[in-house]
Each structure stands twice: as C-alpha cells, then as structure tokens.
PDB file of N, CA and C in Angstrom:
ATOM      1  N   UNK A   1     -14.717  -4.769  -7.688  1.00  0.00           N
ATOM      2  CA  UNK A   1     -13.690  -4.556  -6.681  1.00  0.00           C
ATOM      3  C   UNK A   1     -12.367  -4.277  -7.388  1.00  0.00           C
ATOM      4  N   UNK A   2     -11.671  -3.260  -6.972  1.00  0.00           N
ATOM      5  CA  UNK A   2     -10.399  -2.936  -7.625  1.00  0.00           C
ATOM      6  C   UNK A   2      -9.311  -3.957  -7.289  1.00  0.00           C
ATOM      7  N   UNK A   3      -8.305  -3.986  -8.131  1.00  0.00           N
ATOM      8  CA  UNK A   3      -7.127  -4.790  -7.854  1.00  0.00           C
ATOM      9  C   UNK A   3      -6.197  -3.958  -6.988  1.00  0.00           C
ATOM     10  N   UNK A   4      -5.854  -4.490  -5.811  1.00  0.00           N
ATOM     11  CA  UNK A   4      -5.036  -3.765  -4.849  1.00  0.00           C
ATOM     12  C   UNK A   4      -3.799  -4.598  -4.533  1.00  0.00           C
ATOM     13  N   UNK A   5      -2.632  -3.982  -4.722  1.00  0.00           N
ATOM     14  CA  UNK A   5      -1.356  -4.627  -4.395  1.00  0.00           C
ATOM     15  C   UNK A   5      -0.617  -3.710  -3.434  1.00  0.00           C
ATOM     16  N   UNK A   6      -0.091  -4.300  -2.356  1.00  0.00           N
ATOM     17  CA  UNK A   6       0.611  -3.531  -1.336  1.00  0.00           C
ATOM     18  C   UNK A   6       2.006  -4.117  -1.154  1.00  0.00           C
ATOM     19  N   UNK A   7       3.011  -3.265  -1.227  1.00  0.00           N
ATOM     20  CA  UNK A   7       4.406  -3.644  -0.995  1.00  0.00           C
ATOM     21  C   UNK A   7       4.774  -3.151   0.398  1.00  0.00           C
ATOM     22  N   UNK A   8       5.220  -4.063   1.262  1.00  0.00           N
ATOM     23  CA  UNK A   8       5.439  -3.729   2.663  1.00  0.00           C
ATOM     24  C   UNK A   8       6.723  -4.381   3.192  1.00  0.00           C
ATOM     25  N   UNK A   9       7.028  -4.027   4.432  1.00  0.00           N
ATOM     26  CA  UNK A   9       7.947  -4.817   5.254  1.00  0.00           C
ATOM     27  C   UNK A   9       7.256  -5.007   6.600  1.00  0.00           C
ATOM     28  N   UNK A  10       7.509  -6.095   7.254  1.00  0.00           N
ATOM     29  CA  UNK A  10       6.798  -6.438   8.492  1.00  0.00           C
ATOM     30  C   UNK A  10       7.032  -5.441   9.617  1.00  0.00           C
ATOM     31  N   UNK A  11       8.197  -4.831   9.698  1.00  0.00           N
ATOM     32  CA  UNK A  11       8.518  -3.941  10.815  1.00  0.00           C
ATOM     33  C   UNK A  11       8.016  -2.507  10.619  1.00  0.00           C
ATOM     34  N   UNK A  12       7.327  -2.239   9.546  1.00  0.00           N
ATOM     35  CA  UNK A  12       6.896  -0.880   9.212  1.00  0.00           C
ATOM     36  C   UNK A  12       5.523  -0.572   9.827  1.00  0.00           C
ATOM     37  N   UNK A  13       5.444   0.417  10.738  1.00  0.00           N
ATOM     38  CA  UNK A  13       4.152   0.750  11.342  1.00  0.00           C
ATOM     39  C   UNK A  13       3.159   1.342  10.337  1.00  0.00           C
ATOM     40  N   UNK A  14       3.643   2.023   9.327  1.00  0.00           N
ATOM     41  CA  UNK A  14       2.751   2.585   8.301  1.00  0.00           C
ATOM     42  C   UNK A  14       2.138   1.461   7.461  1.00  0.00           C
ATOM     43  N   UNK A  15       2.924   0.432   7.199  1.00  0.00           N
ATOM     44  CA  UNK A  15       2.423  -0.736   6.469  1.00  0.00           C
ATOM     45  C   UNK A  15       1.328  -1.427   7.280  1.00  0.00           C
ATOM     46  N   UNK A  16       1.542  -1.533   8.589  1.00  0.00           N
ATOM     47  CA  UNK A  16       0.551  -2.155   9.468  1.00  0.00           C
ATOM     48  C   UNK A  16      -0.764  -1.383   9.429  1.00  0.00           C
ATOM     49  N   UNK A  17      -0.695  -0.070   9.384  1.00  0.00           N
ATOM     50  CA  UNK A  17      -1.909   0.753   9.333  1.00  0.00           C
ATOM     51  C   UNK A  17      -2.670   0.532   8.032  1.00  0.00           C
ATOM     52  N   UNK A  18      -1.942   0.401   6.925  1.00  0.00           N
ATOM     53  CA  UNK A  18      -2.594   0.122   5.640  1.00  0.00           C
ATOM     54  C   UNK A  18      -3.272  -1.246   5.691  1.00  0.00           C
ATOM     55  N   UNK A  19      -2.560  -2.247   6.196  1.00  0.00           N
ATOM     56  CA  UNK A  19      -3.118  -3.590   6.340  1.00  0.00           C
ATOM     57  C   UNK A  19      -4.418  -3.550   7.157  1.00  0.00           C
ATOM     58  N   UNK A  20      -4.374  -2.829   8.277  1.00  0.00           N
ATOM     59  CA  UNK A  20      -5.540  -2.733   9.153  1.00  0.00           C
ATOM     60  C   UNK A  20      -6.704  -2.047   8.442  1.00  0.00           C
ATOM     61  N   UNK A  21      -6.436  -0.935   7.760  1.00  0.00           N
ATOM     62  CA  UNK A  21      -7.488  -0.238   7.017  1.00  0.00           C
ATOM     63  C   UNK A  21      -8.161  -1.185   6.024  1.00  0.00           C
ATOM     64  N   UNK A  22      -7.361  -1.876   5.243  1.00  0.00           N
ATOM     65  CA  UNK A  22      -7.916  -2.761   4.219  1.00  0.00           C
ATOM     66  C   UNK A  22      -8.664  -3.928   4.841  1.00  0.00           C
ATOM     67  N   UNK A  23      -8.079  -4.564   5.842  1.00  0.00           N
ATOM     68  CA  UNK A  23      -8.703  -5.720   6.475  1.00  0.00           C
ATOM     69  C   UNK A  23     -10.017  -5.334   7.153  1.00  0.00           C
ATOM     70  N   UNK A  24     -10.012  -4.230   7.882  1.00  0.00           N
ATOM     71  CA  UNK A  24     -11.217  -3.802   8.597  1.00  0.00           C
ATOM     72  C   UNK A  24     -12.347  -3.381   7.665  1.00  0.00           C
ATOM     73  N   UNK A  25     -12.012  -3.060   6.424  1.00  0.00           N
ATOM     74  CA  UNK A  25     -13.033  -2.610   5.470  1.00  0.00           C
ATOM     75  C   UNK A  25     -13.298  -3.622   4.358  1.00  0.00           C
ATOM     76  N   UNK A  26     -12.810  -4.842   4.533  1.00  0.00           N
ATOM     77  CA  UNK A  26     -13.097  -5.913   3.576  1.00  0.00           C
ATOM     78  C   UNK A  26     -12.446  -5.746   2.221  1.00  0.00           C
ATOM     79  N   UNK A  27     -11.365  -4.977   2.156  1.00  0.00           N
ATOM     80  CA  UNK A  27     -10.661  -4.776   0.885  1.00  0.00           C
ATOM     81  C   UNK A  27      -9.745  -5.970   0.657  1.00  0.00           C
ATOM     82  N   UNK A  28      -9.953  -6.656  -0.449  1.00  0.00           N
ATOM     83  CA  UNK A  28      -9.066  -7.763  -0.800  1.00  0.00           C
ATOM     84  C   UNK A  28      -7.805  -7.185  -1.424  1.00  0.00           C
ATOM     85  N   UNK A  29      -6.650  -7.683  -0.985  1.00  0.00           N
ATOM     86  CA  UNK A  29      -5.393  -7.161  -1.503  1.00  0.00           C
ATOM     87  C   UNK A  29      -4.338  -8.243  -1.520  1.00  0.00           C
ATOM     88  N   UNK A  30      -3.376  -8.049  -2.395  1.00  0.00           N
ATOM     89  CA  UNK A  30      -2.193  -8.899  -2.456  1.00  0.00           C
ATOM     90  C   UNK A  30      -1.067  -8.131  -1.802  1.00  0.00           C
ATOM     91  N   UNK A  31      -0.356  -8.797  -0.901  1.00  0.00           N
ATOM     92  CA  UNK A  31       0.726  -8.136  -0.187  1.00  0.00           C
ATOM     93  C   UNK A  31       2.047  -8.816  -0.496  1.00  0.00           C
ATOM     94  N   UNK A  32       3.055  -8.016  -0.779  1.00  0.00           N
ATOM     95  CA  UNK A  32       4.404  -8.511  -1.009  1.00  0.00           C
ATOM     96  C   UNK A  32       5.335  -7.927   0.045  1.00  0.00           C
ATOM     97  N   UNK A  33       6.048  -8.800   0.746  1.00  0.00           N
ATOM     98  CA  UNK A  33       7.050  -8.390   1.729  1.00  0.00           C
ATOM     99  C   UNK A  33       8.357  -8.163   0.971  1.00  0.00           C
ATOM    100  N   UNK A  34       8.714  -6.906   0.770  1.00  0.00           N
ATOM    101  CA  UNK A  34       9.884  -6.593  -0.055  1.00  0.00           C
ATOM    102  C   UNK A  34      11.201  -6.896   0.648  1.00  0.00           C
ATOM    103  N   UNK A  35      11.158  -7.162   1.952  1.00  0.00           N
ATOM    104  CA  UNK A  35      12.365  -7.617   2.658  1.00  0.00           C
ATOM    105  C   UNK A  35      12.763  -9.015   2.215  1.00  0.00           C
ATOM    106  N   UNK A  36      11.789  -9.777   1.744  1.00  0.00           N
ATOM    107  CA  UNK A  36      12.019 -11.180   1.396  1.00  0.00           C
ATOM    108  C   UNK A  36      12.037 -11.439  -0.102  1.00  0.00           C
ATOM    109  N   UNK A  37      11.789 -10.416  -0.904  1.00  0.00           N
ATOM    110  CA  UNK A  37      11.652 -10.621  -2.346  1.00  0.00           C
ATOM    111  C   UNK A  37      12.256  -9.430  -3.088  1.00  0.00           C
ATOM    112  N   UNK A  38      13.462  -9.606  -3.595  1.00  0.00           N
ATOM    113  CA  UNK A  38      14.162  -8.502  -4.254  1.00  0.00           C
ATOM    114  C   UNK A  38      13.456  -8.035  -5.519  1.00  0.00           C
ATOM    115  N   UNK A  39      12.845  -8.944  -6.251  1.00  0.00           N
ATOM    116  CA  UNK A  39      12.128  -8.559  -7.468  1.00  0.00           C
ATOM    117  C   UNK A  39      10.973  -7.631  -7.119  1.00  0.00           C
ATOM    118  N   UNK A  40      10.226  -7.979  -6.075  1.00  0.00           N
ATOM    119  CA  UNK A  40       9.105  -7.128  -5.644  1.00  0.00           C
ATOM    120  C   UNK A  40       9.612  -5.800  -5.080  1.00  0.00           C
ATOM    121  N   UNK A  41      10.765  -5.818  -4.400  1.00  0.00           N
ATOM    122  CA  UNK A  41      11.362  -4.574  -3.901  1.00  0.00           C
ATOM    123  C   UNK A  41      11.669  -3.638  -5.064  1.00  0.00           C
ATOM    124  N   UNK A  42      12.229  -4.194  -6.135  1.00  0.00           N
ATOM    125  CA  UNK A  42      12.530  -3.369  -7.313  1.00  0.00           C
ATOM    126  C   UNK A  42      11.244  -2.838  -7.957  1.00  0.00           C
ATOM    127  N   UNK A  43      10.210  -3.663  -7.998  1.00  0.00           N
ATOM    128  CA  UNK A  43       8.916  -3.205  -8.514  1.00  0.00           C
ATOM    129  C   UNK A  43       8.399  -2.028  -7.685  1.00  0.00           C
ATOM    130  N   UNK A  44       8.455  -2.183  -6.366  1.00  0.00           N
ATOM    131  CA  UNK A  44       7.969  -1.130  -5.471  1.00  0.00           C
ATOM    132  C   UNK A  44       8.744   0.161  -5.681  1.00  0.00           C
ATOM    133  N   UNK A  45      10.056   0.055  -5.795  1.00  0.00           N
ATOM    134  CA  UNK A  45      10.876   1.248  -6.025  1.00  0.00           C
ATOM    135  C   UNK A  45      10.506   1.918  -7.346  1.00  0.00           C
ATOM    136  N   UNK A  46      10.300   1.124  -8.375  1.00  0.00           N
ATOM    137  CA  UNK A  46       9.917   1.684  -9.675  1.00  0.00           C
ATOM    138  C   UNK A  46       8.576   2.407  -9.583  1.00  0.00           C
ATOM    139  N   UNK A  47       7.612   1.811  -8.880  1.00  0.00           N
ATOM    140  CA  UNK A  47       6.296   2.439  -8.727  1.00  0.00           C
ATOM    141  C   UNK A  47       6.369   3.734  -7.924  1.00  0.00           C
ATOM    142  N   UNK A  48       7.334   3.796  -6.989  1.00  0.00           N
ATOM    143  CA  UNK A  48       7.496   4.978  -6.138  1.00  0.00           C
ATOM    144  C   UNK A  48       8.493   5.968  -6.719  1.00  0.00           C
ATOM    145  N   UNK A  49       8.751   5.898  -8.004  1.00  0.00           N
ATOM    146  CA  UNK A  49       9.626   6.855  -8.655  1.00  0.00           C
ATOM    147  C   UNK A  49      11.082   6.732  -8.251  1.00  0.00           C
ATOM    148  N   UNK A  50      11.511   5.507  -7.943  1.00  0.00           N
ATOM    149  CA  UNK A  50      12.898   5.267  -7.578  1.00  0.00           C
ATOM    150  C   UNK A  50      13.186   5.412  -6.098  1.00  0.00           C
ATOM    151  N   UNK A  51      12.168   5.731  -5.313  1.00  0.00           N
ATOM    152  CA  UNK A  51      12.360   5.895  -3.868  1.00  0.00           C
ATOM    153  C   UNK A  51      12.302   4.540  -3.167  1.00  0.00           C
ATOM    154  N   UNK A  52      13.208   4.347  -2.227  1.00  0.00           N
ATOM    155  CA  UNK A  52      13.231   3.138  -1.401  1.00  0.00           C
ATOM    156  C   UNK A  52      12.342   3.413  -0.192  1.00  0.00           C
ATOM    157  N   UNK A  53      11.032   3.169  -0.361  1.00  0.00           N
ATOM    158  CA  UNK A  53      10.053   3.547   0.661  1.00  0.00           C
ATOM    159  C   UNK A  53       8.918   2.532   0.669  1.00  0.00           C
ATOM    160  N   UNK A  54       8.357   2.313   1.828  1.00  0.00           N
ATOM    161  CA  UNK A  54       7.150   1.504   1.965  1.00  0.00           C
ATOM    162  C   UNK A  54       6.205   2.223   2.924  1.00  0.00           C
ATOM    163  N   UNK A  55       4.943   1.957   2.866  1.00  0.00           N
ATOM    164  CA  UNK A  55       4.302   1.078   1.912  1.00  0.00           C
ATOM    165  C   UNK A  55       4.171   1.732   0.531  1.00  0.00           C
ATOM    166  N   UNK A  56       4.069   0.876  -0.462  1.00  0.00           N
ATOM    167  CA  UNK A  56       3.705   1.299  -1.812  1.00  0.00           C
ATOM    168  C   UNK A  56       2.406   0.566  -2.113  1.00  0.00           C
ATOM    169  N   UNK A  57       1.403   1.313  -2.508  1.00  0.00           N
ATOM    170  CA  UNK A  57       0.075   0.756  -2.747  1.00  0.00           C
ATOM    171  C   UNK A  57      -0.324   1.048  -4.181  1.00  0.00           C
ATOM    172  N   UNK A  58      -0.716  -0.004  -4.889  1.00  0.00           N
ATOM    173  CA  UNK A  58      -1.162   0.100  -6.278  1.00  0.00           C
ATOM    174  C   UNK A  58      -2.636  -0.288  -6.313  1.00  0.00           C
ATOM    175  N   UNK A  59      -3.502   0.677  -6.603  1.00  0.00           N
ATOM    176  CA  UNK A  59      -4.938   0.427  -6.719  1.00  0.00           C
ATOM    177  C   UNK A  59      -5.314   0.661  -8.169  1.00  0.00           C
ATOM    178  N   UNK A  60      -5.446  -0.433  -8.904  1.00  0.00           N
ATOM    179  CA  UNK A  60      -5.780  -0.347 -10.334  1.00  0.00           C
ATOM    180  C   UNK A  60      -4.881   0.628 -11.085  1.00  0.00           C
ATOM    181  N   UNK A  61      -3.587   0.621 -10.754  1.00  0.00           N
ATOM    182  CA  UNK A  61      -2.624   1.461 -11.456  1.00  0.00           C
ATOM    183  C   UNK A  61      -2.413   2.841 -10.850  1.00  0.00           C
ATOM    184  N   UNK A  62      -3.198   3.216  -9.869  1.00  0.00           N
ATOM    185  CA  UNK A  62      -2.984   4.477  -9.168  1.00  0.00           C
ATOM    186  C   UNK A  62      -2.086   4.185  -7.967  1.00  0.00           C
ATOM    187  N   UNK A  63      -0.984   4.915  -7.850  1.00  0.00           N
ATOM    188  CA  UNK A  63       0.052   4.600  -6.871  1.00  0.00           C
ATOM    189  C   UNK A  63       0.022   5.575  -5.703  1.00  0.00           C
ATOM    190  N   UNK A  64       0.134   5.013  -4.513  1.00  0.00           N
ATOM    191  CA  UNK A  64       0.255   5.759  -3.258  1.00  0.00           C
ATOM    192  C   UNK A  64       1.477   5.201  -2.543  1.00  0.00           C
ATOM    193  N   UNK A  65       2.248   6.061  -1.896  1.00  0.00           N
ATOM    194  CA  UNK A  65       3.398   5.542  -1.154  1.00  0.00           C
ATOM    195  C   UNK A  65       3.815   6.501  -0.059  1.00  0.00           C
ATOM    196  N   UNK A  66       4.504   5.946   0.923  1.00  0.00           N
ATOM    197  CA  UNK A  66       5.044   6.760   1.998  1.00  0.00           C
ATOM    198  C   UNK A  66       4.277   6.619   3.289  1.00  0.00           C
ATOM    199  N   UNK A  67       4.507   7.552   4.174  1.00  0.00           N
ATOM    200  CA  UNK A  67       3.924   7.518   5.512  1.00  0.00           C
ATOM    201  C   UNK A  67       2.401   7.511   5.454  1.00  0.00           C
ATOM    202  N   UNK A  68       1.806   6.736   6.348  1.00  0.00           N
ATOM    203  CA  UNK A  68       0.349   6.676   6.459  1.00  0.00           C
ATOM    204  C   UNK A  68      -0.110   7.874   7.292  1.00  0.00           C
ATOM    205  N   UNK A  69      -0.399   8.944   6.612  1.00  0.00           N
ATOM    206  CA  UNK A  69      -0.827  10.195   7.227  1.00  0.00           C
ATOM    207  C   UNK A  69      -2.352  10.319   7.099  1.00  0.00           C
ATOM    208  N   UNK A  70      -2.945  11.281   7.785  1.00  0.00           N
ATOM    209  CA  UNK A  70      -4.379  11.507   7.574  1.00  0.00           C
ATOM    210  C   UNK A  70      -4.715  11.775   6.102  1.00  0.00           C
ATOM    211  N   UNK A  71      -3.822  12.458   5.397  1.00  0.00           N
ATOM    212  CA  UNK A  71      -4.056  12.717   3.969  1.00  0.00           C
ATOM    213  C   UNK A  71      -4.086  11.405   3.186  1.00  0.00           C
ATOM    214  N   UNK A  72      -3.122  10.515   3.438  1.00  0.00           N
ATOM    215  CA  UNK A  72      -3.122   9.235   2.729  1.00  0.00           C
ATOM    216  C   UNK A  72      -4.374   8.439   3.088  1.00  0.00           C
ATOM    217  N   UNK A  73      -4.763   8.455   4.354  1.00  0.00           N
ATOM    218  CA  UNK A  73      -5.972   7.757   4.787  1.00  0.00           C
ATOM    219  C   UNK A  73      -7.172   8.232   3.974  1.00  0.00           C
ATOM    220  N   UNK A  74      -7.336   9.547   3.860  1.00  0.00           N
ATOM    221  CA  UNK A  74      -8.452  10.107   3.084  1.00  0.00           C
ATOM    222  C   UNK A  74      -8.371   9.691   1.615  1.00  0.00           C
ATOM    223  N   UNK A  75      -7.176   9.760   1.039  1.00  0.00           N
ATOM    224  CA  UNK A  75      -7.009   9.423  -0.377  1.00  0.00           C
ATOM    225  C   UNK A  75      -7.320   7.950  -0.643  1.00  0.00           C
ATOM    226  N   UNK A  76      -6.829   7.071   0.223  1.00  0.00           N
ATOM    227  CA  UNK A  76      -7.094   5.642   0.045  1.00  0.00           C
ATOM    228  C   UNK A  76      -8.583   5.350   0.189  1.00  0.00           C
ATOM    229  N   UNK A  77      -9.202   5.931   1.204  1.00  0.00           N
ATOM    230  CA  UNK A  77     -10.640   5.718   1.403  1.00  0.00           C
ATOM    231  C   UNK A  77     -11.434   6.232   0.217  1.00  0.00           C
ATOM    232  N   UNK A  78     -11.077   7.383  -0.300  1.00  0.00           N
ATOM    233  CA  UNK A  78     -11.771   7.939  -1.463  1.00  0.00           C
ATOM    234  C   UNK A  78     -11.613   7.018  -2.674  1.00  0.00           C
ATOM    235  N   UNK A  79     -10.381   6.585  -2.915  1.00  0.00           N
ATOM    236  CA  UNK A  79     -10.110   5.719  -4.066  1.00  0.00           C
ATOM    237  C   UNK A  79     -10.877   4.404  -3.984  1.00  0.00           C
ATOM    238  N   UNK A  80     -11.051   3.886  -2.769  1.00  0.00           N
ATOM    239  CA  UNK A  80     -11.697   2.594  -2.567  1.00  0.00           C
ATOM    240  C   UNK A  80     -13.185   2.705  -2.239  1.00  0.00           C
ATOM    241  N   UNK A  81     -13.684   3.928  -2.121  1.00  0.00           N
ATOM    242  CA  UNK A  81     -15.091   4.124  -1.814  1.00  0.00           C
ATOM    243  C   UNK A  81     -15.455   3.737  -0.379  1.00  0.00           C
ATOM    244  N   UNK A  82     -14.497   3.877   0.525  1.00  0.00           N
ATOM    245  CA  UNK A  82     -14.739   3.592   1.940  1.00  0.00           C
ATOM    246  C   UNK A  82     -15.304   4.851   2.584  1.00  0.00           C
ATOM    247  N   UNK A  83     -16.488   4.754   3.147  1.00  0.00           N
ATOM    248  CA  UNK A  83     -17.146   5.930   3.695  1.00  0.00           C
ATOM    249  C   UNK A  83     -17.081   6.013   5.211  1.00  0.00           C
ATOM    250  N   UNK A  84     -16.681   4.955   5.861  1.00  0.00           N
ATOM    251  CA  UNK A  84     -16.641   4.959   7.345  1.00  0.00           C
ATOM    252  C   UNK A  84     -15.396   5.629   7.871  1.00  0.00           C
TER     253      UNK A  84
END
C-alpha cells in the first residue's frame, strides 16, 4: 500500500471529494488541515511549487494538487490502482 498524505482545509469541496474517494476505496491516508498547522501549510505550498492551493496529495512522492476534476480523478485512481 502506498504512503498517501493529503493537505486540506475543511471548507474545501475538492478536499472533501478526495477524502471521499480514498475512504470509499479503502485507501489509508494521513490528512493535515493546513488551516490549523502553519508548518504543514508551508509543506503543502512547497509540494505545490509555491502555490497556495488545496488539496495537495502526496502518493509516495508523486504530487497532485488543485481542483478535483475528472482528470485528477483518473490520475489518482490510476496511481492507486483503483479500478472502480
């Protein structure tokens, strides 16, 4: 199982969609609320190339960030081997 870290804020609908995708497919992940943790916010920004954006998803060092679009959905599923 890959190591999955997600940087989010609670009010973000795109973050909620990522949470739902992972939870519904049994993906174990660590989630950091960057509204409550400045160190994690800085980490997320660094991973996203300096952009102040969420969600930021780190799957074994491969980074995904931004709006949860159909393209991101496909990429995350491919990376995690989710076929449904």
